[in-house]
């Protein structure tokens, strides 16, 4: 059995791989003791900053629609494009983390993020701004699998719930407070300052990485399959592009018929799966799908997809509703969304500790029920909804999702053998972002379609937008309600005694 140490202890590469008959002996120069605590701390902080940028554009969309003269369906690409890029890049991280040392991967990720931030800050128009967001996302895509894989390799199983609670702060809370951060910035500064203020933090992380980040995992030779990369990009890209095009089609701005990207995406994704099933027989898959042989992993991933769809869908829709229907300014919107994000951050470590003691079942069942109930509460939002009710329902949603997210992540990844850690992390991260992008596209699409239909019936613009918002939240509530049934089948995964075999 592999040794696992608390995150604040030292570890050597030999200690990580006591079964030396199965693992090549590392060079003597690398058999040095390193401190994993600073490495994980920097990875967590860096991941928080980069993930924050997934949703930082949400509150800014109405202002950008005016400044850049674009529609809501087009403006959402600043978020959807970010998530889509991550969905395309993250499948590569299974290969990257197996082939390259942590130090090199970290510097690549943060350098890309810093470069994208600079491009976005200097952007004169929508095209360059979107380019900057794509470059940002390329770096962000690497950070989450890097963090999760590192934690799985150096943290003992008995403490993983607590550490996954910390990671949940990054994955769920950072996006949740993104609208608040952007609202505060936009209340006093131009939208470009959302990037100028982040750039020094990214550069600081690079500087600290030069001091703290050391290689705490072993690398190995791995095959890079170009065909899998192409199919992955076409599959995930086509599906998300098609979903987003539905919204643009409703406003008469779809660049191509909606069915084309959807069909291309579905066929490419099917071909990608077939190719991975073939390549994994020789351990050459870009994304090893043997992770789904674990029942705990498969069930948890399905629920994570639902959770992320609800989270990102509501995060993109609420600011639009609060500004376009209720007429609130960006600062007020940001402050209204802050309590929910803070609540999720506060409960994440507690939920992790409870998972370590009691397992996932007592957490995910009530958590998903609360989240589904909150989404049904959001279906009541209209042109005269009290602000206090909106804040309360948003906090309830974050409370429910916070109780679900950490147990699902820990159950999914903890059920895998160590040789599949990087692929499991990449798979979960990929589907999180695809779900987030799909949720964003779906909610905005339903809002756009509902609003256009209401306008055609003679309803004024504000009331029509409220109708579209209602349609979107009803759909989200139905999906979350169906997911409640699945939570009754979630169990603590059995420990894997011989990872890598």
Protein backbone atom coordinates (compact mmCIF):
# COMPACT_ATOMS: atom_id res chain seq x y z
CA UNK A 1 0.00 0.00 0.00
CA UNK A 2 1.22 3.47 -0.81
CA UNK A 3 2.05 5.74 2.09
CA UNK A 4 -0.04 8.83 2.56
CA UNK A 5 1.13 11.73 4.69
CA UNK A 6 -0.70 14.75 6.07
CA UNK A 7 -0.37 17.69 3.76
CA UNK A 8 1.97 19.55 6.13
CA UNK A 9 4.55 16.78 6.37
CA UNK A 10 7.58 16.10 4.24
CA UNK A 11 7.65 13.35 1.67
CA UNK A 12 10.32 11.79 -0.53
CA UNK A 13 9.78 10.22 -3.90
CA UNK A 14 10.93 6.86 -2.53
CA UNK A 15 8.27 7.11 0.23
CA UNK A 16 5.57 7.64 -2.38
CA UNK A 17 6.56 4.46 -4.24
CA UNK A 18 7.61 1.76 -1.74
CA UNK A 19 6.84 -0.95 -4.31
CA UNK A 20 10.03 -0.35 -6.26
CA UNK A 21 9.52 -3.44 -8.37
CA UNK A 22 6.69 -1.66 -10.17
CA UNK A 23 8.16 1.86 -10.26
CA UNK A 24 11.44 2.86 -11.93
CA UNK A 25 14.03 4.09 -9.47
CA UNK A 26 14.19 7.90 -9.62
CA UNK A 27 17.51 9.60 -10.22
CA UNK A 28 19.49 10.30 -7.08
CA UNK A 29 19.24 14.01 -7.69
CA UNK A 30 15.46 13.82 -7.26
CA UNK A 31 15.47 11.63 -4.15
CA UNK A 32 15.37 14.65 -1.91
CA UNK A 33 12.98 15.57 0.85
CA UNK A 34 10.50 18.30 -0.07
CA UNK A 35 7.88 20.13 1.93
CA UNK A 36 4.43 19.49 0.48
CA UNK A 37 2.64 22.06 2.66
CA UNK A 38 3.87 25.19 0.80
CA UNK A 39 3.30 23.47 -2.55
CA UNK A 40 -0.35 22.67 -1.80
CA UNK A 41 -0.93 26.09 -0.22
CA UNK A 42 0.33 27.89 -3.32
CA UNK A 43 -1.59 25.57 -5.65
CA UNK A 44 -4.80 26.22 -3.70
CA UNK A 45 -4.30 30.00 -3.70
CA UNK A 46 -3.34 30.08 -7.39
CA UNK A 47 -6.26 27.85 -8.36
CA UNK A 48 -8.65 30.09 -6.43
CA UNK A 49 -7.50 33.16 -8.37
CA UNK A 50 -7.68 31.52 -11.79
CA UNK A 51 -11.04 29.77 -11.17
CA UNK A 52 -12.48 33.07 -9.89
CA UNK A 53 -12.16 34.34 -13.46
CA UNK A 54 -14.65 31.76 -14.77
CA UNK A 55 -17.58 33.86 -13.57
CA UNK A 56 -16.04 37.29 -13.04
CA UNK A 57 -17.64 38.47 -16.31
CA UNK A 58 -21.22 37.67 -15.21
CA UNK A 59 -22.10 41.03 -13.65
CA UNK A 60 -20.16 42.85 -16.38
CA UNK A 61 -22.20 41.41 -19.27
CA UNK A 62 -24.89 44.14 -19.36
CA UNK A 63 -22.24 46.87 -19.41
CA UNK A 64 -20.20 45.02 -22.04
CA UNK A 65 -23.33 44.59 -24.17
CA UNK A 66 -23.60 48.38 -24.27
CA UNK A 67 -19.90 49.22 -24.58
CA UNK A 68 -19.16 46.58 -27.22
CA UNK A 69 -22.63 46.69 -28.89
CA UNK A 70 -23.27 42.94 -28.63
CA UNK A 71 -26.30 40.81 -27.69
CA UNK A 72 -26.68 38.82 -24.46
CA UNK A 73 -26.25 35.55 -26.36
CA UNK A 74 -22.97 36.85 -27.85
CA UNK A 75 -21.74 38.34 -24.57
CA UNK A 76 -22.21 35.02 -22.77
CA UNK A 77 -19.35 33.65 -24.88
CA UNK A 78 -16.96 35.52 -22.59
CA UNK A 79 -18.01 32.95 -19.97
CA UNK A 80 -19.00 30.04 -22.20
CA UNK A 81 -15.83 30.43 -24.31
CA UNK A 82 -13.77 30.34 -21.13
CA UNK A 83 -15.47 27.14 -19.97
CA UNK A 84 -15.37 25.61 -23.43
CA UNK A 85 -11.62 26.18 -23.72
CA UNK A 86 -11.16 24.48 -20.38
CA UNK A 87 -13.25 21.53 -21.56
CA UNK A 88 -10.98 21.16 -24.59
CA UNK A 89 -7.68 21.57 -22.71
CA UNK A 90 -8.41 19.61 -19.52
CA UNK A 91 -8.48 16.17 -21.22
CA UNK A 92 -4.83 16.82 -22.13
CA UNK A 93 -3.86 17.15 -18.48
CA UNK A 94 -3.98 13.39 -17.87
CA UNK A 95 -1.07 13.12 -20.31
CA UNK A 96 0.62 16.34 -19.14
CA UNK A 97 0.63 15.41 -15.45
CA UNK A 98 1.96 11.94 -16.18
CA UNK A 99 4.69 13.16 -18.53
CA UNK A 100 5.94 16.42 -16.98
CA UNK A 101 6.97 17.42 -13.43
CA UNK A 102 4.68 19.54 -11.28
CA UNK A 103 7.05 22.52 -11.32
CA UNK A 104 7.04 22.78 -15.12
CA UNK A 105 3.27 22.30 -15.32
CA UNK A 106 2.66 25.01 -12.71
CA UNK A 107 4.80 27.59 -14.50
CA UNK A 108 3.15 26.81 -17.83
CA UNK A 109 -0.34 27.19 -16.36
CA UNK A 110 0.31 30.45 -14.53
CA UNK A 111 2.24 31.96 -17.45
CA UNK A 112 -0.67 31.29 -19.80
CA UNK A 113 -3.12 32.74 -17.31
CA UNK A 114 -1.02 35.89 -16.82
CA UNK A 115 -0.62 36.35 -20.57
CA UNK A 116 -4.36 35.98 -21.16
CA UNK A 117 -5.10 38.45 -18.38
CA UNK A 118 -2.81 41.03 -20.00
CA UNK A 119 -4.41 40.52 -23.43
CA UNK A 120 -7.90 40.98 -21.96
CA UNK A 121 -6.85 44.11 -20.05
CA UNK A 122 -5.55 45.67 -23.29
CA UNK A 123 -8.50 44.52 -25.45
CA UNK A 124 -9.99 47.30 -27.62
CA UNK A 125 -13.00 45.20 -28.63
CA UNK A 126 -14.91 41.93 -28.24
CA UNK A 127 -12.63 39.82 -30.45
CA UNK A 128 -9.43 40.53 -28.52
CA UNK A 129 -11.27 40.30 -25.20
CA UNK A 130 -12.51 36.83 -26.11
CA UNK A 131 -8.98 35.88 -27.21
CA UNK A 132 -7.63 36.93 -23.83
CA UNK A 133 -10.30 34.88 -22.08
CA UNK A 134 -9.36 31.82 -24.15
CA UNK A 135 -5.65 32.17 -23.26
CA UNK A 136 -6.60 32.67 -19.61
CA UNK A 137 -8.70 29.51 -19.73
CA UNK A 138 -5.83 27.50 -21.20
CA UNK A 139 -3.85 28.12 -18.03
CA UNK A 140 -6.83 27.72 -15.73
CA UNK A 141 -7.62 24.33 -17.26
CA UNK A 142 -4.32 22.92 -16.05
CA UNK A 143 -4.52 24.20 -12.47
CA UNK A 144 -7.45 22.17 -11.09
CA UNK A 145 -6.26 18.72 -12.24
CA UNK A 146 -2.77 19.69 -11.05
CA UNK A 147 -4.11 20.55 -7.59
CA UNK A 148 -6.32 17.46 -7.27
CA UNK A 149 -3.66 15.05 -8.51
CA UNK A 150 -1.06 16.51 -6.15
CA UNK A 151 -3.41 16.22 -3.16
CA UNK A 152 -4.34 12.62 -3.99
CA UNK A 153 -0.68 11.67 -4.17
CA UNK A 154 0.55 13.26 -0.93
CA UNK A 155 -2.44 13.42 1.44
CA UNK A 156 -3.42 10.35 3.44
CA UNK A 157 -6.93 8.96 2.77
CA UNK A 158 -8.16 9.75 6.29
CA UNK A 159 -7.63 13.49 5.65
CA UNK A 160 -8.81 13.70 2.07
CA UNK A 161 -12.30 14.87 2.97
CA UNK A 162 -10.85 17.92 4.73
CA UNK A 163 -8.52 18.67 1.84
CA UNK A 164 -11.28 18.19 -0.72
CA UNK A 165 -13.28 20.64 1.36
CA UNK A 166 -10.52 23.17 0.75
CA UNK A 167 -10.50 22.30 -2.95
CA UNK A 168 -14.27 22.78 -3.00
CA UNK A 169 -13.69 26.36 -1.89
CA UNK A 170 -11.65 26.76 -5.06
CA UNK A 171 -13.99 24.93 -7.42
CA UNK A 172 -17.35 26.16 -6.14
CA UNK A 173 -16.79 29.22 -3.96
CA UNK A 174 -14.39 31.04 -6.27
CA UNK A 175 -16.93 31.03 -9.13
CA UNK A 176 -19.70 31.87 -6.66
CA UNK A 177 -18.00 35.10 -5.50
CA UNK A 178 -16.82 36.03 -9.00
CA UNK A 179 -19.92 38.20 -9.60
CA UNK A 180 -19.37 39.93 -6.26
CA UNK A 181 -15.76 40.77 -7.06
CA UNK A 182 -16.65 42.10 -10.50
CA UNK A 183 -19.59 44.05 -9.05
CA UNK A 184 -17.34 45.79 -6.56
CA UNK A 185 -14.78 46.62 -9.24
CA UNK A 186 -17.36 47.87 -11.74
CA UNK A 187 -18.96 50.12 -9.16
CA UNK A 188 -15.88 52.37 -9.20
CA UNK A 189 -13.71 51.34 -12.16
CA UNK A 190 -13.83 50.42 -15.86
CA UNK A 191 -14.36 46.76 -16.79
CA UNK A 192 -10.71 46.41 -17.86
CA UNK A 193 -9.70 46.74 -14.21
CA UNK A 194 -11.14 43.27 -13.63
CA UNK A 195 -7.99 42.12 -15.39
CA UNK A 196 -5.49 44.79 -14.34
CA UNK A 197 -6.13 43.97 -10.66
CA UNK A 198 -5.70 40.23 -11.21
CA UNK A 199 -2.46 40.48 -13.21
CA UNK A 200 -0.15 41.37 -10.26
CA UNK A 201 -1.57 38.42 -8.29
CA UNK A 202 -0.76 36.05 -11.15
CA UNK A 203 2.78 37.43 -11.37
CA UNK A 204 3.21 37.10 -7.59
CA UNK A 205 2.14 33.44 -7.81
CA UNK A 206 4.79 32.87 -10.45
CA UNK A 207 7.42 34.41 -8.21
CA UNK A 208 6.41 32.35 -5.17
CA UNK A 209 6.27 29.26 -7.35
CA UNK A 210 9.97 29.70 -8.15
CA UNK A 211 10.64 29.38 -4.40
CA UNK A 212 8.06 26.87 -3.17
CA UNK A 213 6.94 24.56 -5.96
CA UNK A 214 8.96 21.37 -6.07
CA UNK A 215 8.32 18.04 -7.73
CA UNK A 216 6.45 15.72 -5.35
CA UNK A 217 5.20 13.16 -7.87
CA UNK A 218 6.96 10.82 -10.29
CA UNK A 219 6.78 11.24 -14.07
CA UNK A 220 6.64 8.51 -16.70
CA UNK A 221 6.72 8.15 -20.45
CA UNK A 222 3.28 8.68 -22.01
CA UNK A 223 1.97 8.70 -25.55
CA UNK A 224 0.40 11.84 -26.99
CA UNK A 225 -2.45 10.91 -29.32
CA UNK A 226 -3.24 13.75 -31.73
CA UNK A 227 -6.39 12.05 -33.01
CA UNK A 228 -7.86 11.98 -29.53
CA UNK A 229 -7.13 15.68 -29.07
CA UNK A 230 -8.91 16.56 -32.30
CA UNK A 231 -11.94 14.40 -31.50
CA UNK A 232 -12.11 15.81 -27.97
CA UNK A 233 -12.06 19.39 -29.25
CA UNK A 234 -14.70 18.71 -31.91
CA UNK A 235 -16.88 16.73 -29.50
CA UNK A 236 -17.00 19.06 -26.52
CA UNK A 237 -16.66 22.18 -28.66
CA UNK A 238 -19.46 21.20 -31.02
CA UNK A 239 -21.93 20.41 -28.26
CA UNK A 240 -21.35 23.65 -26.36
CA UNK A 241 -21.29 25.75 -29.54
CA UNK A 242 -24.58 24.18 -30.58
CA UNK A 243 -26.21 24.87 -27.22
CA UNK A 244 -25.07 28.48 -27.31
CA UNK A 245 -26.25 28.88 -30.90
CA UNK A 246 -29.79 28.06 -29.83
CA UNK A 247 -29.85 31.28 -27.83
CA UNK A 248 -28.36 33.29 -30.70
CA UNK A 249 -30.85 31.68 -33.09
CA UNK A 250 -33.71 32.98 -30.95
CA UNK A 251 -32.44 36.53 -31.51
CA UNK A 252 -31.71 35.93 -35.19
CA UNK A 253 -27.91 35.91 -34.89
CA UNK A 254 -26.99 32.21 -35.22
CA UNK A 255 -23.89 31.93 -37.48
CA UNK A 256 -24.77 28.39 -38.65
CA UNK A 257 -27.83 26.12 -38.39
CA UNK A 258 -28.01 24.86 -34.80
CA UNK A 259 -28.22 21.19 -35.71
CA UNK A 260 -24.83 21.16 -37.46
CA UNK A 261 -22.55 21.74 -34.41
CA UNK A 262 -24.76 19.52 -32.25
CA UNK A 263 -24.50 16.59 -34.66
CA UNK A 264 -20.76 17.13 -35.23
CA UNK A 265 -20.20 17.33 -31.49
CA UNK A 266 -22.20 14.20 -30.68
CA UNK A 267 -20.54 12.11 -33.41
CA UNK A 268 -17.04 13.35 -32.50
CA UNK A 269 -17.60 12.65 -28.82
CA UNK A 270 -18.79 9.12 -29.62
CA UNK A 271 -15.68 8.57 -31.77
CA UNK A 272 -13.51 9.97 -28.96
CA UNK A 273 -14.96 7.47 -26.48
CA UNK A 274 -14.44 4.55 -28.88
CA UNK A 275 -10.84 5.62 -29.51
CA UNK A 276 -10.09 5.90 -25.78
CA UNK A 277 -11.54 2.45 -25.11
CA UNK A 278 -9.19 1.05 -27.75
CA UNK A 279 -6.08 2.98 -26.68
CA UNK A 280 -6.50 2.28 -22.96
CA UNK A 281 -5.85 -1.42 -23.61
CA UNK A 282 -2.21 -0.46 -24.08
CA UNK A 283 -2.27 2.39 -21.51
CA UNK A 284 -2.06 4.92 -24.37
CA UNK A 285 -5.41 6.70 -23.94
CA UNK A 286 -5.45 10.48 -23.71
CA UNK A 287 -8.26 10.14 -21.16
CA UNK A 288 -8.40 6.67 -19.61
CA UNK A 289 -12.07 5.77 -19.25
CA UNK A 290 -11.43 2.81 -16.96
CA UNK A 291 -12.21 5.30 -14.23
CA UNK A 292 -15.88 4.63 -14.97
CA UNK A 293 -15.47 0.99 -13.96
CA UNK A 294 -15.82 2.32 -10.43
CA UNK A 295 -19.50 2.60 -9.53
CA UNK A 296 -18.76 5.30 -6.95
CA UNK A 297 -16.88 7.34 -9.54
CA UNK A 298 -19.58 7.05 -12.20
CA UNK A 299 -22.46 7.98 -9.90
CA UNK A 300 -20.57 10.87 -8.33
CA UNK A 301 -19.62 12.26 -11.75
CA UNK A 302 -23.26 12.27 -12.90
CA UNK A 303 -24.25 14.25 -9.82
CA UNK A 304 -21.30 16.62 -10.17
CA UNK A 305 -22.51 17.41 -13.70
CA UNK A 306 -25.96 18.32 -12.35
CA UNK A 307 -24.49 20.40 -9.51
CA UNK A 308 -22.15 22.37 -11.77
CA UNK A 309 -24.90 22.97 -14.33
CA UNK A 310 -27.14 24.42 -11.63
CA UNK A 311 -24.33 26.48 -10.10
CA UNK A 312 -23.06 28.08 -13.29
CA UNK A 313 -26.49 28.43 -14.84
CA UNK A 314 -27.73 30.37 -11.82
CA UNK A 315 -24.52 32.41 -11.60
CA UNK A 316 -24.92 33.65 -15.17
CA UNK A 317 -28.69 34.17 -14.98
CA UNK A 318 -29.06 35.90 -11.60
CA UNK A 319 -26.96 38.98 -12.49
CA UNK A 320 -28.86 39.37 -15.76
CA UNK A 321 -32.18 39.10 -13.92
CA UNK A 322 -31.18 41.49 -11.13
CA UNK A 323 -29.96 44.15 -13.57
CA UNK A 324 -32.33 43.81 -16.53
CA UNK A 325 -35.55 43.03 -14.63
CA UNK A 326 -35.09 44.70 -11.24
CA UNK A 327 -32.84 47.48 -12.56
CA UNK A 328 -30.18 47.12 -9.84
CA UNK A 329 -26.63 48.48 -10.26
CA UNK A 330 -23.55 46.26 -10.39
CA UNK A 331 -22.43 47.00 -6.83
CA UNK A 332 -25.81 46.03 -5.39
CA UNK A 333 -25.87 42.86 -7.46
CA UNK A 334 -22.38 41.90 -6.31
CA UNK A 335 -23.24 42.48 -2.65
CA UNK A 336 -26.47 40.48 -2.98
CA UNK A 337 -24.58 37.44 -4.28
CA UNK A 338 -21.80 37.71 -1.68
CA UNK A 339 -23.57 36.01 1.28
CA UNK A 340 -24.15 32.84 -0.72
CA UNK A 341 -20.51 32.59 -1.74
CA UNK A 342 -19.29 33.29 1.80
CA UNK A 343 -21.66 30.65 3.21
CA UNK A 344 -20.36 28.02 0.80
CA UNK A 345 -16.79 28.87 1.76
CA UNK A 346 -17.53 28.62 5.47
CA UNK A 347 -19.22 25.24 5.31
CA UNK A 348 -16.75 23.57 2.89
CA UNK A 349 -14.12 22.59 5.53
CA UNK A 350 -16.90 21.49 7.93
CA UNK A 351 -18.47 19.33 5.24
CA UNK A 352 -15.07 17.80 4.50
CA UNK A 353 -14.53 16.90 8.16
CA UNK A 354 -18.04 15.41 8.37
CA UNK A 355 -17.33 13.33 5.27
CA UNK A 356 -14.16 11.91 6.85
CA UNK A 357 -16.24 10.83 9.86
CA UNK A 358 -19.62 9.82 8.46
CA UNK A 359 -19.17 9.31 4.72
CA UNK A 360 -21.13 10.95 1.87
CA UNK A 361 -24.69 9.68 2.37
CA UNK A 362 -25.78 11.93 5.31
CA UNK A 363 -24.51 14.95 3.39
CA UNK A 364 -25.48 14.54 -0.26
CA UNK A 365 -29.13 13.55 0.25
CA UNK A 366 -30.23 16.59 2.30
CA UNK A 367 -27.83 18.80 0.34
CA UNK A 368 -29.39 17.98 -3.03
CA UNK A 369 -32.91 18.31 -1.59
CA UNK A 370 -32.07 21.81 -0.35
CA UNK A 371 -30.47 22.75 -3.69
CA UNK A 372 -33.48 21.51 -5.68
CA UNK A 373 -35.85 23.34 -3.34
CA UNK A 374 -33.85 26.54 -3.79
CA UNK A 375 -34.10 26.28 -7.56
CA UNK A 376 -37.85 25.88 -7.23
CA UNK A 377 -37.77 29.00 -5.07
CA UNK A 378 -36.02 30.83 -7.92
CA UNK A 379 -38.96 30.05 -10.19
CA UNK A 380 -40.91 32.60 -8.14
CA UNK A 381 -38.61 35.47 -9.16
CA UNK A 382 -40.46 38.18 -11.10
CA UNK A 383 -40.62 41.92 -11.66
CA UNK A 384 -41.51 42.69 -8.04
CA UNK A 385 -39.63 40.04 -6.05
CA UNK A 386 -38.27 41.32 -2.69
CA UNK A 387 -34.48 41.51 -2.48
CA UNK A 388 -34.45 39.68 0.88
CA UNK A 389 -36.18 36.66 -0.69
CA UNK A 390 -33.68 36.56 -3.56
CA UNK A 391 -30.72 36.60 -1.15
CA UNK A 392 -32.29 33.91 1.06
CA UNK A 393 -32.98 31.58 -1.87
CA UNK A 394 -29.48 32.12 -3.30
CA UNK A 395 -27.95 31.28 0.09
CA UNK A 396 -30.08 28.14 0.31
CA UNK A 397 -28.85 27.06 -3.13
CA UNK A 398 -25.21 27.53 -2.12
CA UNK A 399 -25.81 25.74 1.18
CA UNK A 400 -27.23 22.72 -0.62
CA UNK A 401 -24.54 22.64 -3.29
CA UNK A 402 -21.85 23.07 -0.64
CA UNK A 403 -23.09 19.97 1.20
CA UNK A 404 -23.01 17.95 -2.01
CA UNK A 405 -19.84 19.00 -3.80
CA UNK A 406 -17.06 17.89 -1.41
CA UNK A 407 -18.52 14.40 -0.70
CA UNK A 408 -19.03 13.78 -4.41
CA UNK A 409 -15.50 14.81 -5.36
CA UNK A 410 -13.91 12.76 -2.58
CA UNK A 411 -16.06 9.72 -3.31
CA UNK A 412 -15.29 9.87 -7.02
CA UNK A 413 -11.52 10.29 -6.85
CA UNK A 414 -11.00 8.23 -3.69
CA UNK A 415 -12.48 5.17 -5.37
CA UNK A 416 -9.73 5.04 -8.02
CA UNK A 417 -6.35 3.27 -8.02
CA UNK A 418 -3.39 5.65 -7.93
CA UNK A 419 -2.40 4.98 -11.54
CA UNK A 420 -5.72 6.57 -12.59
CA UNK A 421 -5.51 9.65 -10.35
CA UNK A 422 -4.44 12.01 -13.12
CA UNK A 423 -7.05 10.61 -15.53
CA UNK A 424 -9.75 10.73 -12.87
CA UNK A 425 -8.89 14.33 -12.03
CA UNK A 426 -8.88 15.24 -15.72
CA UNK A 427 -12.21 13.49 -16.31
CA UNK A 428 -13.94 15.14 -13.35
CA UNK A 429 -12.50 18.56 -14.23
CA UNK A 430 -13.49 18.18 -17.88
CA UNK A 431 -17.06 17.24 -17.10
CA UNK A 432 -17.31 20.01 -14.49
CA UNK A 433 -16.46 22.59 -17.12
CA UNK A 434 -18.63 21.00 -19.82
CA UNK A 435 -21.49 20.96 -17.32
CA UNK A 436 -20.79 24.57 -16.38
CA UNK A 437 -20.69 25.64 -20.02
CA UNK A 438 -23.81 23.61 -20.81
CA UNK A 439 -25.62 25.05 -17.79
CA UNK A 440 -24.62 28.58 -18.79
CA UNK A 441 -25.68 28.03 -22.40
CA UNK A 442 -28.90 26.24 -21.43
CA UNK A 443 -30.07 28.86 -18.92
CA UNK A 444 -29.30 31.81 -21.20
CA UNK A 445 -30.85 29.99 -24.16
CA UNK A 446 -34.06 29.28 -22.28
CA UNK A 447 -34.18 32.87 -21.05
CA UNK A 448 -33.67 34.21 -24.58
CA UNK A 449 -36.25 31.89 -26.14
CA UNK A 450 -38.79 32.62 -23.40
CA UNK A 451 -38.25 36.37 -23.64
CA UNK A 452 -38.55 36.41 -27.44
CA UNK A 453 -41.75 34.37 -27.25
CA UNK A 454 -43.23 36.73 -24.64
CA UNK A 455 -42.34 39.81 -26.68
CA UNK A 456 -44.06 38.23 -29.70
CA UNK A 457 -47.17 37.91 -27.55
CA UNK A 458 -47.11 41.65 -26.86
CA UNK A 459 -45.46 41.64 -23.41
CA UNK A 460 -43.11 44.53 -22.59
CA UNK A 461 -39.34 43.86 -22.54
CA UNK A 462 -38.89 43.78 -18.74
CA UNK A 463 -41.81 41.43 -18.15
CA UNK A 464 -40.69 39.30 -21.11
CA UNK A 465 -37.20 38.93 -19.62
CA UNK A 466 -38.75 37.89 -16.30
CA UNK A 467 -40.77 35.26 -18.18
CA UNK A 468 -37.59 33.93 -19.79
CA UNK A 469 -35.85 33.76 -16.41
CA UNK A 470 -38.79 31.81 -14.99
CA UNK A 471 -38.60 29.31 -17.86
CA UNK A 472 -34.88 28.73 -17.28
CA UNK A 473 -35.21 28.19 -13.52
CA UNK A 474 -38.15 25.79 -13.93
CA UNK A 475 -35.98 23.61 -16.16
CA UNK A 476 -33.08 23.74 -13.70
CA UNK A 477 -35.35 22.84 -10.80
CA UNK A 478 -36.72 19.81 -12.67
CA UNK A 479 -33.21 18.52 -13.41
CA UNK A 480 -32.07 19.00 -9.80
CA UNK A 481 -35.19 17.25 -8.52
CA UNK A 482 -34.43 14.22 -10.67
CA UNK A 483 -30.88 14.18 -9.28
CA UNK A 484 -32.23 13.87 -5.72
CA UNK A 485 -33.17 10.27 -6.50
CA UNK A 486 -29.57 9.42 -7.45
CA UNK A 487 -28.18 10.70 -4.14
CA UNK A 488 -29.78 7.77 -2.30
CA UNK A 489 -27.33 5.45 -4.10
CA UNK A 490 -24.15 7.33 -3.10
CA UNK A 491 -21.92 5.31 -0.76
CA UNK A 492 -18.46 5.72 0.71
CA UNK A 493 -16.00 4.12 -1.74
CA UNK A 494 -14.09 1.05 -0.62
CA UNK A 495 -10.36 1.77 -0.10
CA UNK A 496 -8.06 0.74 -2.93
CA UNK A 497 -5.33 -1.31 -1.29
CA UNK A 498 -3.01 -1.82 -4.24
CA UNK A 499 -2.96 1.28 -6.41
CA UNK A 500 -1.14 1.01 -9.68
CA UNK A 501 -1.78 -2.70 -10.02
